Amino acid sequence: MDRDQVAEILSEIGVLLELQGENPFKTRAYSNAARALDVLTEPLPKLVAEGRLGEVKGIGEGLQKKIVELVTTGRLVYHEELKASLPPGLLEMLQIPGLGPKKVKALHDKLRLTTIEALEKACQAGQVADLDGFGDKTQAKILEGIDFRRKYASRHLLSAGLVVAEPILDLLREHPAVIRCGTAGSLRRHKEVIGDIDFLVSSRAPLEVINAFTSLPGILSISAQGDTKASVVLAGGIQADLRVVSDGEFPFALAYFTGSKEHNIVMRQRAIQRGLRLNEYGLFRSTEETRDPALRLPCHTEEEIFAALDLDYIPPELREDHGEFLAAEKGGLPRLVDWTELKGSLHNHSQWSDGLGSLEDIADYMEDLGCQYWAITDHSKSSHVANGLDAARLRKQIGEIRVLNQRFADEGRDFRLLCGSEVDILTDGRLDFDDDLLAELDVVVASIHQGFSANEAEMTRRLVKAAENPFVHMLGHPTGRLLLQREAYKVD
């Protein structure tokens, strides 16, 4: 197991212990150990192999043994037994916004609830509101959270989709029976939230590709398997579909399965207007639906398909029917920004608060990526959970950043760190630091981190008051929304 996998299991053990009612010192030891692994500057397996795990601060002898077991065997008997001792539904309840281990434990102890379905029924019957520490508002929020989770149960973050899709795509490219391959659908359009993952392959031996795909590592289960199509479930519960087509059909299938429904309707209409017929099998010289390759226009790439319909090539990210056709007709499509053009970022955390990297490590890494600057905007003191900085710590950080920047200048390096803060907007709209301190910073990001339940007028006043401060450059996450986790708070 690698560092991230081990840290994830240690964090889960801490949660499981809290659900069991263990003392907070024991539960905190596991979360602290997970955090210690997150900031390692050396590979975890190397530390284990060299017997140097004891050098890592916050990891005692007992935890060392467990980490060694995870790294060397890929499993931890203690974790498995602990997980088996609790109803699996308790961990699922933790996915409901606003429910932490203490509340889930109380629900289990007092109402013997072990599933989300049972929790929903208890809320609807008013039983949860009667419990100490809950009440009507909490009960209503739990019901909202259950509805929210159900609504987005089959949705996933783009980042999660890319993590599981890219290694599979690399393995498909290496297969001798694969001619061309790629992803399609919402993943290829880089939607922030995706559904399933679509893989597309061209091959003369589709069955070989299907069999290879369903045998790949990381596949949890096979939902369907045919001669040219297979559906599987990947890590994280993401469904993935593979379609295998002939190489002549590949560009048409890629275009068809990439565009949104609305985009594809317009594409088909444009074909009909030109006496053609477009579908996933080709662009045909026919007014009738067909798959006859003799009638198919010889388009070898997507670019040629768009050209045949009198359009500039429309990048996947723009295929939503949001004005791209008019722009493509007139040669007015925007040039999309490429990640290599990134010069820097103005909202980032370091290990001074809840980030993972040291100031110097962040600077070195971002400079290697080709950036010219990178702002350090750690949390302010009111964000206790995120280890927010008070005024003294922030001034110390400013001093260290200035020393680093001077060293970079002396070494002739064209890179600098910017001093900043993600400063909390308090309930009355004031900021967490005085203006005198804010004036010393290069970048000030003002954010709301508590009081999300206030009404629209109050939330709007807080944001407006913060934005009026002359030292504030931008608002952080101005609606408080967390994709697939939390709805936006009320704000005008």
Protein backbone atom coordinates (compact mmCIF):
# COMPACT_ATOMS: atom_id res chain seq x y z
CA MET A 1 0.00 0.00 0.00
CA ASP A 2 1.14 3.54 -0.69
CA ARG A 3 1.07 6.53 1.65
CA ASP A 4 -2.36 7.81 0.63
CA GLN A 5 -4.03 4.40 1.03
CA VAL A 6 -2.48 3.88 4.46
CA ALA A 7 -3.48 7.39 5.59
CA GLU A 8 -7.06 6.77 4.42
CA ILE A 9 -7.30 3.56 6.48
CA LEU A 10 -5.82 5.24 9.57
CA SER A 11 -8.39 8.04 9.26
CA GLU A 12 -11.19 5.48 8.95
CA ILE A 13 -9.95 3.65 12.06
CA GLY A 14 -10.19 6.92 13.98
CA VAL A 15 -13.79 7.34 12.82
CA LEU A 16 -14.67 3.72 13.66
CA LEU A 17 -13.22 4.12 17.15
CA GLU A 18 -15.24 7.28 17.66
CA LEU A 19 -18.38 5.39 16.61
CA GLN A 20 -17.50 2.80 19.24
CA GLY A 21 -17.21 5.52 21.88
CA GLU A 22 -13.44 5.22 22.42
CA ASN A 23 -11.68 8.02 24.30
CA PRO A 24 -10.79 11.04 22.13
CA PHE A 25 -7.04 10.65 22.71
CA LYS A 26 -7.03 7.26 21.02
CA THR A 27 -9.21 8.35 18.11
CA ARG A 28 -7.16 11.50 17.62
CA ALA A 29 -3.93 9.48 17.51
CA TYR A 30 -5.07 7.83 14.27
CA SER A 31 -6.14 11.05 12.57
CA ASN A 32 -2.86 12.69 13.65
CA ALA A 33 -0.91 9.74 12.25
CA ALA A 34 -2.79 10.01 8.95
CA ARG A 35 -1.94 13.70 8.78
CA ALA A 36 1.71 12.95 9.58
CA LEU A 37 1.84 10.56 6.63
CA ASP A 38 0.22 13.15 4.36
CA VAL A 39 3.19 15.51 4.81
CA LEU A 40 5.95 12.94 4.39
CA THR A 41 8.73 14.09 2.07
CA GLU A 42 9.97 10.52 1.48
CA PRO A 43 8.11 7.47 0.13
CA LEU A 44 6.42 5.56 2.96
CA PRO A 45 7.58 2.10 1.74
CA LYS A 46 11.18 3.39 1.84
CA LEU A 47 10.82 4.49 5.48
CA VAL A 48 9.32 1.12 6.36
CA ALA A 49 12.00 -0.86 4.52
CA GLU A 50 14.77 1.12 6.25
CA GLY A 51 13.13 0.86 9.69
CA ARG A 52 12.91 4.66 10.02
CA LEU A 53 9.15 4.99 10.62
CA GLY A 54 9.85 5.88 14.25
CA GLU A 55 11.45 9.13 13.04
CA VAL A 56 8.03 10.43 11.96
CA LYS A 57 6.61 12.68 14.66
CA GLY A 58 3.26 11.55 16.05
CA ILE A 59 3.61 7.85 15.20
CA GLY A 60 4.19 5.67 18.27
CA GLU A 61 5.29 2.06 18.48
CA GLY A 62 1.76 0.59 18.21
CA LEU A 63 0.92 2.64 15.14
CA GLN A 64 4.26 1.80 13.56
CA LYS A 65 3.41 -1.91 13.68
CA LYS A 66 0.02 -1.30 12.07
CA ILE A 67 1.52 0.87 9.31
CA VAL A 68 4.20 -1.73 8.58
CA GLU A 69 1.49 -4.41 8.33
CA LEU A 70 -0.48 -2.25 5.86
CA VAL A 71 2.54 -1.41 3.71
CA THR A 72 3.92 -4.95 3.59
CA THR A 73 0.72 -7.02 3.37
CA GLY A 74 -1.82 -4.60 1.90
CA ARG A 75 -4.25 -5.17 4.77
CA LEU A 76 -4.63 -4.66 8.51
CA VAL A 77 -6.40 -7.32 10.56
CA TYR A 78 -7.18 -4.79 13.32
CA HIS A 79 -8.96 -2.53 10.79
CA GLU A 80 -10.93 -5.41 9.30
CA GLU A 81 -12.07 -6.68 12.72
CA LEU A 82 -12.98 -3.17 13.85
CA LYS A 83 -15.00 -2.57 10.70
CA ALA A 84 -16.77 -5.92 11.04
CA SER A 85 -17.77 -5.09 14.64
CA LEU A 86 -20.01 -2.21 13.55
CA PRO A 87 -23.05 -2.18 11.24
CA PRO A 88 -21.86 -0.98 7.79
CA GLY A 89 -24.78 1.44 7.66
CA LEU A 90 -23.15 3.62 10.33
CA LEU A 91 -20.31 4.55 7.99
CA GLU A 92 -22.85 5.30 5.26
CA MET A 93 -24.69 7.66 7.64
CA LEU A 94 -21.49 9.71 7.94
CA GLN A 95 -21.88 10.60 4.26
CA ILE A 96 -25.00 12.62 5.13
CA PRO A 97 -24.10 16.33 5.43
CA GLY A 98 -24.11 17.47 9.06
CA LEU A 99 -23.83 14.01 10.62
CA GLY A 100 -20.56 13.33 12.43
CA PRO A 101 -19.45 10.24 14.41
CA LYS A 102 -20.90 11.51 17.72
CA LYS A 103 -24.36 12.07 16.30
CA VAL A 104 -24.32 8.76 14.40
CA LYS A 105 -23.31 6.96 17.61
CA ALA A 106 -26.17 8.64 19.50
CA LEU A 107 -28.66 7.60 16.81
CA HIS A 108 -27.43 4.02 17.00
CA ASP A 109 -27.31 3.86 20.80
CA LYS A 110 -30.69 5.47 21.46
CA LEU A 111 -32.79 4.42 18.46
CA ARG A 112 -30.81 1.35 17.30
CA LEU A 113 -30.62 2.80 13.80
CA THR A 114 -28.27 0.92 11.47
CA THR A 115 -29.27 2.09 7.97
CA ILE A 116 -30.03 5.34 6.20
CA GLU A 117 -33.50 4.02 5.37
CA ALA A 118 -34.24 3.44 9.07
CA LEU A 119 -32.86 6.89 9.89
CA GLU A 120 -35.16 8.49 7.31
CA LYS A 121 -38.21 6.73 8.78
CA ALA A 122 -37.23 7.78 12.31
CA CYS A 123 -36.94 11.41 11.18
CA GLN A 124 -40.29 11.28 9.39
CA ALA A 125 -41.84 9.89 12.59
CA GLY A 126 -40.31 12.73 14.64
CA GLN A 127 -38.22 10.38 16.80
CA VAL A 128 -34.88 12.03 16.05
CA ALA A 129 -36.05 15.50 17.09
CA ASP A 130 -36.86 14.15 20.58
CA LEU A 131 -33.25 13.09 21.23
CA ASP A 132 -30.95 15.26 23.35
CA GLY A 133 -28.69 17.38 21.15
CA PHE A 134 -30.86 17.06 18.04
CA GLY A 135 -34.19 18.93 17.82
CA ASP A 136 -36.47 19.86 14.94
CA LYS A 137 -33.88 21.81 12.95
CA THR A 138 -31.32 19.00 13.05
CA GLN A 139 -33.99 16.46 12.10
CA ALA A 140 -35.01 18.59 9.12
CA LYS A 141 -31.37 18.97 8.06
CA ILE A 142 -30.85 15.20 8.23
CA LEU A 143 -33.83 14.66 5.93
CA GLU A 144 -32.45 17.30 3.56
CA GLY A 145 -29.07 15.55 3.68
CA ILE A 146 -30.60 12.16 2.87
CA ASP A 147 -32.45 13.67 -0.07
CA PHE A 148 -29.25 15.41 -1.22
CA ARG A 149 -27.27 12.15 -1.03
CA ARG A 150 -29.97 10.23 -2.92
CA LYS A 151 -30.11 12.92 -5.60
CA TYR A 152 -26.37 12.69 -6.27
CA ALA A 153 -25.78 9.02 -5.42
CA SER A 154 -24.65 8.12 -8.95
CA ARG A 155 -22.67 11.34 -9.53
CA HIS A 156 -18.91 11.75 -9.05
CA LEU A 157 -16.38 14.55 -9.08
CA LEU A 158 -14.39 14.96 -12.29
CA SER A 159 -11.18 14.52 -10.29
CA ALA A 160 -12.34 11.10 -9.02
CA GLY A 161 -13.26 10.05 -12.56
CA LEU A 162 -9.91 11.07 -13.99
CA VAL A 163 -7.98 9.22 -11.27
CA VAL A 164 -9.59 5.88 -12.19
CA ALA A 165 -9.98 6.48 -15.95
CA GLU A 166 -6.46 7.55 -16.93
CA PRO A 167 -4.62 4.37 -15.82
CA ILE A 168 -7.25 2.23 -17.61
CA LEU A 169 -6.85 4.32 -20.75
CA ASP A 170 -3.07 3.83 -20.61
CA LEU A 171 -3.51 0.04 -20.37
CA LEU A 172 -5.96 0.01 -23.28
CA ARG A 173 -3.48 1.95 -25.43
CA GLU A 174 -0.86 -0.74 -24.80
CA HIS A 175 -3.11 -3.61 -25.93
CA PRO A 176 -2.03 -4.97 -29.35
CA ALA A 177 -5.63 -5.29 -30.57
CA VAL A 178 -6.40 -1.59 -29.92
CA ILE A 179 -6.02 0.79 -32.87
CA ARG A 180 -7.37 4.00 -31.31
CA CYS A 181 -8.93 4.69 -27.93
CA GLY A 182 -10.16 7.52 -25.75
CA THR A 183 -12.74 8.62 -23.22
CA ALA A 184 -16.05 10.23 -24.15
CA GLY A 185 -19.10 11.62 -22.37
CA SER A 186 -19.06 14.09 -19.51
CA LEU A 187 -15.52 13.05 -18.51
CA ARG A 188 -14.13 14.11 -21.89
CA ARG A 189 -16.14 17.34 -21.73
CA HIS A 190 -14.52 17.91 -18.30
CA LYS A 191 -17.77 18.53 -16.51
CA GLU A 192 -17.20 19.30 -12.82
CA VAL A 193 -19.56 16.45 -11.91
CA ILE A 194 -19.83 13.32 -14.05
CA GLY A 195 -22.04 10.25 -14.20
CA ASP A 196 -20.43 7.10 -15.58
CA ILE A 197 -17.18 6.89 -17.57
CA ASP A 198 -17.32 6.11 -21.30
CA PHE A 199 -14.34 4.39 -22.96
CA LEU A 200 -14.22 4.03 -26.73
CA VAL A 201 -11.87 1.75 -28.67
CA SER A 202 -11.42 0.88 -32.34
CA SER A 203 -10.24 -2.64 -33.06
CA ARG A 204 -10.40 -5.54 -35.53
CA ALA A 205 -10.66 -7.95 -32.58
CA PRO A 206 -13.34 -6.48 -30.31
CA LEU A 207 -13.78 -9.61 -28.19
CA GLU A 208 -10.07 -9.58 -27.25
CA VAL A 209 -10.39 -5.99 -26.10
CA ILE A 210 -13.60 -6.68 -24.14
CA ASN A 211 -11.99 -9.63 -22.34
CA ALA A 212 -8.88 -7.60 -21.56
CA PHE A 213 -10.96 -4.68 -20.26
CA THR A 214 -13.05 -6.82 -17.90
CA SER A 215 -9.84 -8.40 -16.53
CA LEU A 216 -8.10 -5.13 -15.69
CA PRO A 217 -7.06 -4.40 -12.09
CA GLY A 218 -9.28 -1.98 -10.20
CA ILE A 219 -12.57 -3.42 -11.51
CA LEU A 220 -14.89 -4.29 -8.63
CA SER A 221 -17.61 -6.05 -10.62
CA ILE A 222 -18.85 -6.72 -14.15
CA SER A 223 -22.41 -5.53 -14.84
CA ALA A 224 -22.64 -6.64 -18.48
CA GLN A 225 -20.33 -8.18 -21.06
CA GLY A 226 -21.02 -8.70 -24.76
CA ASP A 227 -19.14 -8.93 -28.06
CA THR A 228 -18.63 -5.17 -28.49
CA LYS A 229 -19.68 -3.61 -25.19
CA ALA A 230 -19.03 -4.11 -21.49
CA SER A 231 -20.14 -2.34 -18.30
CA VAL A 232 -18.16 -2.56 -15.06
CA VAL A 233 -18.01 -0.90 -11.64
CA LEU A 234 -14.68 0.73 -10.77
CA ALA A 235 -13.15 1.83 -7.48
CA GLY A 236 -15.29 4.43 -5.75
CA GLY A 237 -18.47 2.91 -7.20
CA ILE A 238 -18.08 4.59 -10.60
CA GLN A 239 -19.69 2.73 -13.49
CA ALA A 240 -17.66 2.51 -16.70
CA ASP A 241 -18.82 1.46 -20.17
CA LEU A 242 -16.53 0.29 -22.97
CA ARG A 243 -17.64 0.30 -26.60
CA VAL A 244 -15.55 -1.27 -29.34
CA VAL A 245 -16.11 -0.12 -32.93
CA SER A 246 -14.35 -0.41 -36.28
CA ASP A 247 -11.67 2.19 -36.96
CA GLY A 248 -13.80 3.71 -39.72
CA GLU A 249 -16.60 4.29 -37.19
CA PHE A 250 -14.29 5.56 -34.42
CA PRO A 251 -14.35 9.36 -35.06
CA PHE A 252 -18.13 9.34 -35.45
CA ALA A 253 -18.68 7.31 -32.29
CA LEU A 254 -16.24 9.55 -30.42
CA ALA A 255 -18.12 12.69 -31.48
CA TYR A 256 -21.53 11.13 -30.78
CA PHE A 257 -20.72 9.84 -27.30
CA THR A 258 -18.84 13.01 -26.30
CA GLY A 259 -21.38 15.73 -27.05
CA SER A 260 -24.26 16.56 -24.74
CA LYS A 261 -27.74 15.49 -25.85
CA GLU A 262 -28.53 19.06 -26.91
CA HIS A 263 -25.27 19.43 -28.85
CA ASN A 264 -25.84 16.15 -30.71
CA ILE A 265 -29.37 17.16 -31.74
CA VAL A 266 -28.00 20.27 -33.45
CA MET A 267 -25.23 18.25 -35.13
CA ARG A 268 -27.79 15.81 -36.59
CA GLN A 269 -30.00 18.69 -37.75
CA ARG A 270 -27.06 20.30 -39.57
CA ALA A 271 -26.41 17.01 -41.36
CA ILE A 272 -30.07 16.72 -42.45
CA GLN A 273 -30.01 20.33 -43.72
CA ARG A 274 -27.13 19.28 -46.02
CA GLY A 275 -28.86 16.14 -47.31
CA LEU A 276 -26.83 13.90 -45.01
CA ARG A 277 -27.48 11.63 -42.05
CA LEU A 278 -25.28 11.64 -38.93
CA ASN A 279 -25.21 8.97 -36.23
CA GLU A 280 -22.64 7.12 -34.12
CA TYR A 281 -21.68 4.95 -37.10
CA GLY A 282 -20.89 7.68 -39.61
CA LEU A 283 -21.89 10.70 -41.66
CA PHE A 284 -23.79 9.24 -44.61
CA ARG A 285 -24.86 10.38 -48.07
CA SER A 286 -28.43 9.44 -47.28
CA THR A 287 -31.58 10.97 -45.89
CA GLU A 288 -32.48 7.66 -44.20
CA GLU A 289 -30.98 6.16 -41.04
CA THR A 290 -28.22 3.78 -42.13
CA ARG A 291 -24.96 2.01 -41.20
CA ASP A 292 -23.92 1.21 -44.79
CA PRO A 293 -20.13 1.92 -44.95
CA ALA A 294 -20.40 2.39 -48.73
CA LEU A 295 -22.45 5.54 -48.12
CA ARG A 296 -20.21 6.89 -45.33
CA LEU A 297 -18.18 10.04 -45.93
CA PRO A 298 -14.46 9.31 -45.39
CA CYS A 299 -13.91 11.34 -42.21
CA HIS A 300 -10.87 10.00 -40.37
CA THR A 301 -10.98 12.49 -37.49
CA GLU A 302 -13.53 14.56 -35.58
CA GLU A 303 -12.07 17.67 -37.23
CA GLU A 304 -13.15 16.32 -40.62
CA ILE A 305 -16.69 15.66 -39.37
CA PHE A 306 -17.07 19.26 -38.20
CA ALA A 307 -15.59 20.54 -41.47
CA ALA A 308 -18.11 18.46 -43.44
CA LEU A 309 -20.86 20.29 -41.54
CA ASP A 310 -19.27 23.70 -42.27
CA LEU A 311 -17.96 24.20 -38.74
CA ASP A 312 -14.61 24.89 -37.15
CA TYR A 313 -13.54 22.09 -34.83
CA ILE A 314 -15.40 22.45 -31.51
CA PRO A 315 -13.33 21.27 -28.50
CA PRO A 316 -15.06 18.67 -26.29
CA GLU A 317 -15.38 21.13 -23.36
CA LEU A 318 -17.65 23.38 -25.46
CA ARG A 319 -20.05 20.74 -26.81
CA GLU A 320 -23.09 21.74 -24.75
CA ASP A 321 -25.19 23.77 -27.28
CA HIS A 322 -24.35 26.95 -25.39
CA GLY A 323 -23.52 29.07 -28.43
CA GLU A 324 -20.64 27.06 -29.86
CA PHE A 325 -22.31 26.49 -33.23
CA LEU A 326 -22.74 30.17 -34.05
CA ALA A 327 -19.14 30.82 -33.01
CA ALA A 328 -17.85 27.83 -35.02
CA GLU A 329 -19.68 29.02 -38.15
CA LYS A 330 -18.06 32.46 -37.93
CA GLY A 331 -14.57 31.34 -36.90
CA GLY A 332 -15.10 32.88 -33.47
CA LEU A 333 -14.55 29.96 -31.08
CA PRO A 334 -12.45 30.95 -28.09
CA ARG A 335 -9.02 29.38 -27.62
CA LEU A 336 -9.21 27.33 -24.45
CA VAL A 337 -6.61 27.94 -21.76
CA ASP A 338 -4.06 25.14 -21.42
CA TRP A 339 -2.68 24.16 -18.02
CA THR A 340 0.86 24.89 -19.22
CA GLU A 341 -0.16 28.56 -19.37
CA LEU A 342 -0.72 28.67 -15.60
CA LYS A 343 1.46 31.40 -14.09
CA GLY A 344 0.38 31.03 -10.46
CA SER A 345 -2.48 30.71 -8.01
CA LEU A 346 -3.83 33.09 -5.37
CA HIS A 347 -5.63 30.76 -2.92
CA ASN A 348 -3.54 27.94 -1.43
CA HIS A 349 -2.89 26.41 1.99
CA SER A 350 0.39 25.15 3.42
CA GLN A 351 1.15 22.92 6.41
CA TRP A 352 1.02 26.07 8.56
CA SER A 353 -2.76 25.52 8.62
CA ASP A 354 -4.44 22.53 6.94
CA GLY A 355 -2.29 22.13 3.82
CA LEU A 356 0.30 19.42 3.25
CA GLY A 357 3.47 21.14 2.00
CA SER A 358 6.12 23.34 3.59
CA LEU A 359 6.72 26.81 2.14
CA GLU A 360 9.95 25.74 0.48
CA ASP A 361 8.54 22.47 -0.90
CA ILE A 362 5.56 24.33 -2.39
CA ALA A 363 7.84 26.92 -4.00
CA ASP A 364 10.14 24.27 -5.50
CA TYR A 365 7.24 22.21 -6.84
CA MET A 366 5.37 25.12 -8.39
CA GLU A 367 8.50 26.56 -9.94
CA ASP A 368 9.21 23.14 -11.49
CA LEU A 369 5.72 23.27 -13.03
CA GLY A 370 6.66 26.54 -14.70
CA CYS A 371 4.79 28.94 -12.42
CA GLN A 372 6.15 32.41 -11.66
CA TYR A 373 4.36 32.97 -8.34
CA TRP A 374 2.27 31.14 -5.75
CA ALA A 375 0.28 32.76 -2.94
CA ILE A 376 0.22 31.22 0.53
CA THR A 377 -3.21 32.01 1.97
CA ASP A 378 -3.58 29.87 5.07
CA HIS A 379 -6.66 30.00 7.30
CA SER A 380 -7.07 32.69 9.95
CA LYS A 381 -7.52 32.08 13.68
CA SER A 382 -11.31 31.58 13.76
CA SER A 383 -10.95 28.42 11.64
CA HIS A 384 -9.89 26.35 14.66
CA VAL A 385 -10.50 22.99 12.95
CA ALA A 386 -8.15 24.01 10.13
CA ASN A 387 -5.37 25.08 12.53
CA GLY A 388 -5.87 28.73 11.56
CA LEU A 389 -3.08 31.25 12.16
CA ASP A 390 -3.33 34.01 14.75
CA ALA A 391 -1.68 37.39 14.14
CA ALA A 392 1.66 36.35 15.66
CA ARG A 393 1.92 33.18 13.56
CA LEU A 394 0.90 35.04 10.40
CA ARG A 395 3.61 37.68 10.96
CA LYS A 396 6.14 34.88 11.51
CA GLN A 397 5.03 33.28 8.25
CA ILE A 398 5.36 36.60 6.42
CA GLY A 399 8.93 36.83 7.71
CA GLU A 400 9.80 33.32 6.50
CA ILE A 401 8.29 33.99 3.06
CA ARG A 402 10.36 37.17 2.72
CA VAL A 403 13.54 35.28 3.63
CA LEU A 404 12.75 32.62 1.03
CA ASN A 405 12.00 35.21 -1.66
CA GLN A 406 15.28 36.97 -0.95
CA ARG A 407 17.11 33.67 -1.34
CA PHE A 408 15.35 33.01 -4.63
CA ALA A 409 16.38 36.46 -5.87
CA ASP A 410 19.99 35.90 -4.80
CA GLU A 411 20.00 32.60 -6.70
CA GLY A 412 18.61 34.33 -9.80
CA ARG A 413 15.35 32.37 -9.70
CA ASP A 414 12.35 33.98 -11.43
CA PHE A 415 9.84 32.84 -8.81
CA ARG A 416 8.33 34.28 -5.68
CA LEU A 417 5.88 33.32 -2.98
CA LEU A 418 3.15 35.84 -2.15
CA CYS A 419 2.13 36.51 1.46
CA GLY A 420 -1.57 36.12 2.05
CA SER A 421 -4.40 34.86 4.20
CA GLU A 422 -7.80 33.27 3.77
CA VAL A 423 -9.35 35.43 6.45
CA ASP A 424 -12.68 34.47 8.02
CA ILE A 425 -15.69 36.72 7.55
CA LEU A 426 -17.26 36.82 11.01
CA THR A 427 -21.01 36.76 11.63
CA ASP A 428 -21.25 40.57 11.71
CA GLY A 429 -19.20 40.99 8.51
CA ARG A 430 -15.98 41.99 10.27
CA LEU A 431 -12.78 40.21 9.30
CA ASP A 432 -10.67 37.95 11.49
CA PHE A 433 -7.61 40.27 11.32
CA ASP A 434 -7.23 44.01 11.81
CA ASP A 435 -6.66 46.21 8.77
CA ASP A 436 -3.09 46.96 9.89
CA LEU A 437 -2.16 43.30 9.46
CA LEU A 438 -4.14 42.85 6.26
CA ALA A 439 -2.26 45.82 4.78
CA GLU A 440 0.99 43.84 5.09
CA LEU A 441 -0.29 41.06 2.81
CA ASP A 442 -0.01 40.67 -0.95
CA VAL A 443 -3.26 38.68 -1.20
CA VAL A 444 -6.35 38.67 1.05
CA VAL A 445 -9.10 36.12 0.39
CA ALA A 446 -12.20 36.65 2.56
CA SER A 447 -14.38 33.58 3.22
CA ILE A 448 -17.35 32.47 5.28
CA HIS A 449 -16.67 29.28 7.23
CA GLN A 450 -19.44 29.27 9.82
CA GLY A 451 -23.03 30.46 10.30
CA PHE A 452 -24.22 28.93 7.01
CA SER A 453 -27.80 28.71 8.29
CA ALA A 454 -28.29 32.51 8.43
CA ASN A 455 -30.95 33.97 6.15
CA GLU A 456 -30.26 35.45 2.73
CA ALA A 457 -30.21 39.07 3.88
CA GLU A 458 -27.70 38.37 6.68
CA MET A 459 -25.38 36.32 4.46
CA THR A 460 -25.48 38.94 1.73
CA ARG A 461 -24.67 41.73 4.22
CA ARG A 462 -21.67 39.75 5.49
CA LEU A 463 -20.25 39.27 2.01
CA VAL A 464 -20.88 42.87 0.96
CA LYS A 465 -19.24 44.26 4.10
CA ALA A 466 -16.19 42.04 3.56
CA ALA A 467 -15.95 43.02 -0.11
CA GLU A 468 -16.05 46.71 0.84
CA ASN A 469 -12.89 46.33 2.93
CA PRO A 470 -10.13 48.02 0.88
CA PHE A 471 -7.61 45.27 1.72
CA VAL A 472 -9.76 42.37 0.47
CA HIS A 473 -8.87 41.22 -3.04
CA MET A 474 -11.41 38.43 -3.52
CA LEU A 475 -14.12 36.33 -1.90
CA GLY A 476 -13.40 32.63 -1.35
CA HIS A 477 -16.09 30.05 -2.27
CA PRO A 478 -18.72 32.84 -2.23
CA THR A 479 -21.75 30.53 -2.03
CA GLY A 480 -20.30 27.91 0.34
CA ARG A 481 -21.29 25.09 -2.02
CA LEU A 482 -19.32 21.83 -1.96
CA LEU A 483 -20.06 19.74 -5.04
CA LEU A 484 -21.86 16.51 -4.10
CA GLN A 485 -21.46 17.36 -0.39
CA ARG A 486 -23.22 20.60 0.51
CA GLU A 487 -25.72 22.91 -1.14
CA ALA A 488 -25.02 26.64 -1.35
CA TYR A 489 -26.12 28.85 1.52
CA LYS A 490 -28.75 31.51 0.87
CA VAL A 491 -27.23 34.63 -0.69
CA ASP A 492 -28.37 37.30 -3.14
